[in-house]
């Protein structure tokens, strides 16, 4: 077999790296002979994803939308917990056929309306929808079809102390679970304590 450099099948690399040496046979099969340029070891970063209680004097509100299909039969869910992690209130309900983002918006809209009625003003609002978070914070342009509800949310927020945070789904499990359960239930679900939650979501 002949040792040579195969320009057309070299692995992706910058021009400053050495070219790959390949060994080929008469059948057109190639193997890498020298892989010095492939010894790059990326830095790995680990981040523990979990729900964390807010500081004293604040309430953390997690919201989520669930759906079967996009668009499809949908539901929303939200939950409020205090600085000790105790559940203050949670709500979930099946809604009309919507898209993913519409269900997320309805969840946040209902959560903020509840907080306004209860006089809850210091809120850390968490959503696993980065699109919704960016639209609420005016970082992204709002599609015309979503403008009305988004502006209603922003109007409610204007009279509150709110921090809007994007989180991963693993840190939004309670809101996600009750929203998914609500899809198969006709009536609105209310929970005012940890022990009132369905057994499958008490974790």
C-alpha atoms as a PDB file:
ATOM      1  CA  UNK A   1       0.000   0.000   0.000  1.00  0.00           C
ATOM      2  CA  UNK A   2       1.087   3.520  -0.742  1.00  0.00           C
ATOM      3  CA  UNK A   3       1.135   6.308   1.812  1.00  0.00           C
ATOM      4  CA  UNK A   4      -0.157   9.616   0.543  1.00  0.00           C
ATOM      5  CA  UNK A   5      -2.267  12.647   1.420  1.00  0.00           C
ATOM      6  CA  UNK A   6      -5.835  12.569   0.155  1.00  0.00           C
ATOM      7  CA  UNK A   7      -6.906  16.181  -0.262  1.00  0.00           C
ATOM      8  CA  UNK A   8     -10.532  15.511  -1.174  1.00  0.00           C
ATOM      9  CA  UNK A   9     -11.420  13.506   1.924  1.00  0.00           C
ATOM     10  CA  UNK A  10      -9.362  15.207   4.609  1.00  0.00           C
ATOM     11  CA  UNK A  11     -11.283  15.684   7.887  1.00  0.00           C
ATOM     12  CA  UNK A  12     -12.609  19.114   8.811  1.00  0.00           C
ATOM     13  CA  UNK A  13      -9.809  21.245  10.274  1.00  0.00           C
ATOM     14  CA  UNK A  14      -8.359  24.728  10.089  1.00  0.00           C
ATOM     15  CA  UNK A  15      -5.689  25.535   7.547  1.00  0.00           C
ATOM     16  CA  UNK A  16      -3.111  25.929  10.308  1.00  0.00           C
ATOM     17  CA  UNK A  17      -3.351  22.258  11.296  1.00  0.00           C
ATOM     18  CA  UNK A  18      -1.305  19.526   9.661  1.00  0.00           C
ATOM     19  CA  UNK A  19      -3.012  17.603   6.896  1.00  0.00           C
ATOM     20  CA  UNK A  20      -4.138  14.077   7.680  1.00  0.00           C
ATOM     21  CA  UNK A  21      -1.990  11.190   6.525  1.00  0.00           C
ATOM     22  CA  UNK A  22      -4.053   8.378   5.110  1.00  0.00           C
ATOM     23  CA  UNK A  23      -3.189   4.827   4.054  1.00  0.00           C
ATOM     24  CA  UNK A  24      -5.119   3.460   1.076  1.00  0.00           C
ATOM     25  CA  UNK A  25      -5.352   0.069  -0.622  1.00  0.00           C
ATOM     26  CA  UNK A  26      -6.377  -1.113  -4.071  1.00  0.00           C
ATOM     27  CA  UNK A  27     -10.022  -1.381  -3.003  1.00  0.00           C
ATOM     28  CA  UNK A  28     -10.230   2.318  -2.281  1.00  0.00           C
ATOM     29  CA  UNK A  29     -10.394   1.817   1.480  1.00  0.00           C
ATOM     30  CA  UNK A  30      -8.656   4.377   3.659  1.00  0.00           C
ATOM     31  CA  UNK A  31      -7.509   4.473   7.250  1.00  0.00           C
ATOM     32  CA  UNK A  32      -5.845   7.308   9.161  1.00  0.00           C
ATOM     33  CA  UNK A  33      -2.202   6.595   9.853  1.00  0.00           C
ATOM     34  CA  UNK A  34      -1.277   9.714  11.789  1.00  0.00           C
ATOM     35  CA  UNK A  35      -3.829  11.432  14.033  1.00  0.00           C
ATOM     36  CA  UNK A  36      -1.700  13.964  15.887  1.00  0.00           C
ATOM     37  CA  UNK A  37      -3.949  16.757  14.686  1.00  0.00           C
ATOM     38  CA  UNK A  38      -6.963  14.975  16.228  1.00  0.00           C
ATOM     39  CA  UNK A  39      -5.657  15.088  19.805  1.00  0.00           C
ATOM     40  CA  UNK A  40      -7.762  18.154  20.604  1.00  0.00           C
ATOM     41  CA  UNK A  41      -9.559  17.743  23.943  1.00  0.00           C
ATOM     42  CA  UNK A  42     -12.485  20.139  24.461  1.00  0.00           C
ATOM     43  CA  UNK A  43     -13.174  21.670  27.848  1.00  0.00           C
ATOM     44  CA  UNK A  44     -16.281  20.116  29.355  1.00  0.00           C
ATOM     45  CA  UNK A  45     -18.577  22.110  31.603  1.00  0.00           C
ATOM     46  CA  UNK A  46     -21.211  20.581  33.846  1.00  0.00           C
ATOM     47  CA  UNK A  47     -24.256  22.417  35.124  1.00  0.00           C
ATOM     48  CA  UNK A  48     -26.727  20.877  37.560  1.00  0.00           C
ATOM     49  CA  UNK A  49     -30.248  21.603  36.367  1.00  0.00           C
ATOM     50  CA  UNK A  50     -32.776  21.708  39.198  1.00  0.00           C
ATOM     51  CA  UNK A  51     -35.502  23.900  40.627  1.00  0.00           C
ATOM     52  CA  UNK A  52     -34.202  26.327  43.247  1.00  0.00           C
ATOM     53  CA  UNK A  53     -36.212  28.211  45.853  1.00  0.00           C
ATOM     54  CA  UNK A  54     -36.328  32.023  45.599  1.00  0.00           C
ATOM     55  CA  UNK A  55     -34.946  34.397  48.187  1.00  0.00           C
ATOM     56  CA  UNK A  56     -37.115  35.312  51.152  1.00  0.00           C
ATOM     57  CA  UNK A  57     -39.800  37.813  50.212  1.00  0.00           C
ATOM     58  CA  UNK A  58     -40.066  36.504  46.668  1.00  0.00           C
ATOM     59  CA  UNK A  59     -42.357  33.969  45.008  1.00  0.00           C
ATOM     60  CA  UNK A  60     -41.195  31.769  42.171  1.00  0.00           C
ATOM     61  CA  UNK A  61     -43.750  31.147  39.447  1.00  0.00           C
ATOM     62  CA  UNK A  62     -43.128  28.361  36.938  1.00  0.00           C
ATOM     63  CA  UNK A  63     -45.270  28.191  33.813  1.00  0.00           C
ATOM     64  CA  UNK A  64     -45.593  25.671  31.014  1.00  0.00           C
ATOM     65  CA  UNK A  65     -47.787  24.765  28.083  1.00  0.00           C
ATOM     66  CA  UNK A  66     -48.463  21.226  26.887  1.00  0.00           C
ATOM     67  CA  UNK A  67     -49.937  19.973  23.630  1.00  0.00           C
ATOM     68  CA  UNK A  68     -50.569  16.919  21.491  1.00  0.00           C
ATOM     69  CA  UNK A  69     -49.331  17.949  18.086  1.00  0.00           C
ATOM     70  CA  UNK A  70     -48.394  21.417  16.859  1.00  0.00           C
ATOM     71  CA  UNK A  71     -51.016  22.712  16.532  1.00  0.00           C
ATOM     72  CA  UNK A  72     -53.027  20.299  18.641  1.00  0.00           C
ATOM     73  CA  UNK A  73     -55.080  19.807  21.776  1.00  0.00           C
ATOM     74  CA  UNK A  74     -53.367  21.855  24.451  1.00  0.00           C
ATOM     75  CA  UNK A  75     -53.273  22.754  28.121  1.00  0.00           C
ATOM     76  CA  UNK A  76     -51.446  25.093  30.445  1.00  0.00           C
ATOM     77  CA  UNK A  77     -50.061  24.814  33.950  1.00  0.00           C
ATOM     78  CA  UNK A  78     -48.412  27.089  36.467  1.00  0.00           C
ATOM     79  CA  UNK A  79     -47.298  26.833  40.082  1.00  0.00           C
ATOM     80  CA  UNK A  80     -46.177  29.274  42.768  1.00  0.00           C
ATOM     81  CA  UNK A  81     -43.719  28.387  45.525  1.00  0.00           C
ATOM     82  CA  UNK A  82     -42.148  30.419  48.312  1.00  0.00           C
ATOM     83  CA  UNK A  83     -38.622  30.700  49.694  1.00  0.00           C
ATOM     84  CA  UNK A  84     -38.961  27.436  51.644  1.00  0.00           C
ATOM     85  CA  UNK A  85     -40.141  25.558  48.560  1.00  0.00           C
ATOM     86  CA  UNK A  86     -43.723  25.196  49.801  1.00  0.00           C
ATOM     87  CA  UNK A  87     -46.438  25.158  47.170  1.00  0.00           C
ATOM     88  CA  UNK A  88     -48.675  28.211  47.480  1.00  0.00           C
ATOM     89  CA  UNK A  89     -50.918  27.511  44.519  1.00  0.00           C
ATOM     90  CA  UNK A  90     -50.961  25.608  41.229  1.00  0.00           C
ATOM     91  CA  UNK A  91     -53.419  25.543  38.379  1.00  0.00           C
ATOM     92  CA  UNK A  92     -53.823  23.618  35.130  1.00  0.00           C
ATOM     93  CA  UNK A  93     -56.506  23.396  32.464  1.00  0.00           C
ATOM     94  CA  UNK A  94     -57.156  21.931  29.042  1.00  0.00           C
ATOM     95  CA  UNK A  95     -57.615  24.646  26.404  1.00  0.00           C
ATOM     96  CA  UNK A  96     -58.455  24.870  22.721  1.00  0.00           C
ATOM     97  CA  UNK A  97     -56.244  23.607  19.921  1.00  0.00           C
ATOM     98  CA  UNK A  98     -53.183  25.853  19.826  1.00  0.00           C
ATOM     99  CA  UNK A  99     -49.540  25.923  18.809  1.00  0.00           C
ATOM    100  CA  UNK A 100     -46.635  25.357  21.200  1.00  0.00           C
ATOM    101  CA  UNK A 101     -45.915  29.042  21.773  1.00  0.00           C
ATOM    102  CA  UNK A 102     -49.592  29.942  22.194  1.00  0.00           C
ATOM    103  CA  UNK A 103     -49.943  27.385  24.999  1.00  0.00           C
ATOM    104  CA  UNK A 104     -46.829  28.822  26.694  1.00  0.00           C
ATOM    105  CA  UNK A 105     -48.240  32.345  26.439  1.00  0.00           C
ATOM    106  CA  UNK A 106     -51.620  31.334  27.879  1.00  0.00           C
ATOM    107  CA  UNK A 107     -49.848  29.662  30.812  1.00  0.00           C
ATOM    108  CA  UNK A 108     -47.913  32.822  31.644  1.00  0.00           C
ATOM    109  CA  UNK A 109     -50.942  35.054  31.106  1.00  0.00           C
ATOM    110  CA  UNK A 110     -53.076  33.027  33.530  1.00  0.00           C
ATOM    111  CA  UNK A 111     -50.262  32.871  36.087  1.00  0.00           C
ATOM    112  CA  UNK A 112     -49.806  36.640  36.100  1.00  0.00           C
ATOM    113  CA  UNK A 113     -53.547  37.286  36.303  1.00  0.00           C
ATOM    114  CA  UNK A 114     -53.698  35.058  39.384  1.00  0.00           C
ATOM    115  CA  UNK A 115     -50.734  36.863  40.982  1.00  0.00           C
ATOM    116  CA  UNK A 116     -52.370  40.230  40.308  1.00  0.00           C
ATOM    117  CA  UNK A 117     -55.630  39.126  41.958  1.00  0.00           C
ATOM    118  CA  UNK A 118     -53.751  37.829  44.999  1.00  0.00           C
ATOM    119  CA  UNK A 119     -51.549  40.907  45.342  1.00  0.00           C
ATOM    120  CA  UNK A 120     -48.342  38.956  44.713  1.00  0.00           C
ATOM    121  CA  UNK A 121     -45.841  41.449  43.325  1.00  0.00           C
ATOM    122  CA  UNK A 122     -42.301  40.135  43.924  1.00  0.00           C
ATOM    123  CA  UNK A 123     -42.089  37.353  41.381  1.00  0.00           C
ATOM    124  CA  UNK A 124     -39.388  35.310  39.715  1.00  0.00           C
ATOM    125  CA  UNK A 125     -41.115  34.110  36.558  1.00  0.00           C
ATOM    126  CA  UNK A 126     -39.570  31.011  35.007  1.00  0.00           C
ATOM    127  CA  UNK A 127     -40.373  29.501  31.612  1.00  0.00           C
ATOM    128  CA  UNK A 128     -38.658  26.809  29.577  1.00  0.00           C
ATOM    129  CA  UNK A 129     -39.604  28.650  26.388  1.00  0.00           C
ATOM    130  CA  UNK A 130     -36.689  30.839  25.347  1.00  0.00           C
ATOM    131  CA  UNK A 131     -38.795  32.309  22.537  1.00  0.00           C
ATOM    132  CA  UNK A 132     -41.450  33.497  24.980  1.00  0.00           C
ATOM    133  CA  UNK A 133     -38.887  34.924  27.384  1.00  0.00           C
ATOM    134  CA  UNK A 134     -37.221  36.907  24.598  1.00  0.00           C
ATOM    135  CA  UNK A 135     -40.536  38.259  23.307  1.00  0.00           C
ATOM    136  CA  UNK A 136     -41.691  39.252  26.798  1.00  0.00           C
ATOM    137  CA  UNK A 137     -38.419  41.113  27.387  1.00  0.00           C
ATOM    138  CA  UNK A 138     -38.672  42.782  23.957  1.00  0.00           C
ATOM    139  CA  UNK A 139     -35.470  41.135  22.763  1.00  0.00           C
ATOM    140  CA  UNK A 140     -37.299  39.501  19.842  1.00  0.00           C
ATOM    141  CA  UNK A 141     -39.911  40.878  17.490  1.00  0.00           C
ATOM    142  CA  UNK A 142     -43.402  39.652  18.375  1.00  0.00           C
ATOM    143  CA  UNK A 143     -45.390  37.952  15.564  1.00  0.00           C
ATOM    144  CA  UNK A 144     -48.594  39.864  14.874  1.00  0.00           C
ATOM    145  CA  UNK A 145     -50.759  36.853  15.807  1.00  0.00           C
ATOM    146  CA  UNK A 146     -49.304  36.848  19.341  1.00  0.00           C
ATOM    147  CA  UNK A 147     -49.174  40.592  19.932  1.00  0.00           C
ATOM    148  CA  UNK A 148     -52.424  40.982  21.889  1.00  0.00           C
ATOM    149  CA  UNK A 149     -51.641  38.429  24.613  1.00  0.00           C
ATOM    150  CA  UNK A 150     -47.977  39.410  24.862  1.00  0.00           C
ATOM    151  CA  UNK A 151     -48.917  43.068  25.355  1.00  0.00           C
ATOM    152  CA  UNK A 152     -51.435  42.077  28.042  1.00  0.00           C
ATOM    153  CA  UNK A 153     -48.683  40.183  29.851  1.00  0.00           C
ATOM    154  CA  UNK A 154     -46.306  43.141  29.601  1.00  0.00           C
ATOM    155  CA  UNK A 155     -49.015  45.470  30.928  1.00  0.00           C
ATOM    156  CA  UNK A 156     -49.559  43.300  34.013  1.00  0.00           C
ATOM    157  CA  UNK A 157     -45.811  43.039  34.577  1.00  0.00           C
ATOM    158  CA  UNK A 158     -45.397  46.810  34.487  1.00  0.00           C
ATOM    159  CA  UNK A 159     -46.990  47.090  37.946  1.00  0.00           C
ATOM    160  CA  UNK A 160     -44.966  44.289  39.538  1.00  0.00           C
ATOM    161  CA  UNK A 161     -41.387  43.520  40.512  1.00  0.00           C
ATOM    162  CA  UNK A 162     -40.663  40.629  38.146  1.00  0.00           C
ATOM    163  CA  UNK A 163     -37.557  38.807  37.006  1.00  0.00           C
ATOM    164  CA  UNK A 164     -38.185  36.739  33.881  1.00  0.00           C
ATOM    165  CA  UNK A 165     -35.870  33.750  33.597  1.00  0.00           C
ATOM    166  CA  UNK A 166     -35.385  31.010  31.018  1.00  0.00           C
ATOM    167  CA  UNK A 167     -34.788  27.555  32.501  1.00  0.00           C
ATOM    168  CA  UNK A 168     -34.364  24.040  31.175  1.00  0.00           C
ATOM    169  CA  UNK A 169     -37.328  21.674  31.249  1.00  0.00           C
ATOM    170  CA  UNK A 170     -35.739  19.590  34.021  1.00  0.00           C
ATOM    171  CA  UNK A 171     -36.096  22.583  36.369  1.00  0.00           C
ATOM    172  CA  UNK A 172     -39.715  23.096  35.318  1.00  0.00           C
ATOM    173  CA  UNK A 173     -41.045  19.630  36.095  1.00  0.00           C
ATOM    174  CA  UNK A 174     -43.998  20.520  38.313  1.00  0.00           C
ATOM    175  CA  UNK A 175     -45.574  22.958  35.859  1.00  0.00           C
ATOM    176  CA  UNK A 176     -44.846  20.535  33.021  1.00  0.00           C
ATOM    177  CA  UNK A 177     -46.434  17.574  34.825  1.00  0.00           C
ATOM    178  CA  UNK A 178     -49.666  19.277  35.826  1.00  0.00           C
ATOM    179  CA  UNK A 179     -50.034  20.783  32.340  1.00  0.00           C
ATOM    180  CA  UNK A 180     -49.691  17.354  30.727  1.00  0.00           C
ATOM    181  CA  UNK A 181     -52.172  15.789  33.138  1.00  0.00           C
ATOM    182  CA  UNK A 182     -54.700  18.532  32.398  1.00  0.00           C
ATOM    183  CA  UNK A 183     -54.931  17.550  28.725  1.00  0.00           C
ATOM    184  CA  UNK A 184     -57.030  14.512  29.680  1.00  0.00           C
ATOM    185  CA  UNK A 185     -59.185  16.351  32.249  1.00  0.00           C
ATOM    186  CA  UNK A 186     -62.227  18.445  31.382  1.00  0.00           C
ATOM    187  CA  UNK A 187     -62.306  20.703  34.444  1.00  0.00           C
ATOM    188  CA  UNK A 188     -59.753  23.243  35.624  1.00  0.00           C
ATOM    189  CA  UNK A 189     -57.453  21.782  38.264  1.00  0.00           C
ATOM    190  CA  UNK A 190     -56.543  23.732  41.415  1.00  0.00           C
ATOM    191  CA  UNK A 191     -53.908  22.773  43.996  1.00  0.00           C
ATOM    192  CA  UNK A 192     -53.200  24.746  47.155  1.00  0.00           C
ATOM    193  CA  UNK A 193     -50.696  22.479  48.895  1.00  0.00           C
ATOM    194  CA  UNK A 194     -48.116  19.851  48.098  1.00  0.00           C
ATOM    195  CA  UNK A 195     -50.364  17.081  49.405  1.00  0.00           C
ATOM    196  CA  UNK A 196     -53.230  18.131  47.136  1.00  0.00           C
ATOM    197  CA  UNK A 197     -51.131  17.413  44.038  1.00  0.00           C
ATOM    198  CA  UNK A 198     -51.665  14.146  42.128  1.00  0.00           C
ATOM    199  CA  UNK A 199     -49.414  11.420  43.518  1.00  0.00           C
ATOM    200  CA  UNK A 200     -47.485  11.089  40.265  1.00  0.00           C
ATOM    201  CA  UNK A 201     -46.261  14.695  40.464  1.00  0.00           C
ATOM    202  CA  UNK A 202     -45.428  14.838  44.180  1.00  0.00           C
ATOM    203  CA  UNK A 203     -41.662  14.684  43.737  1.00  0.00           C
END
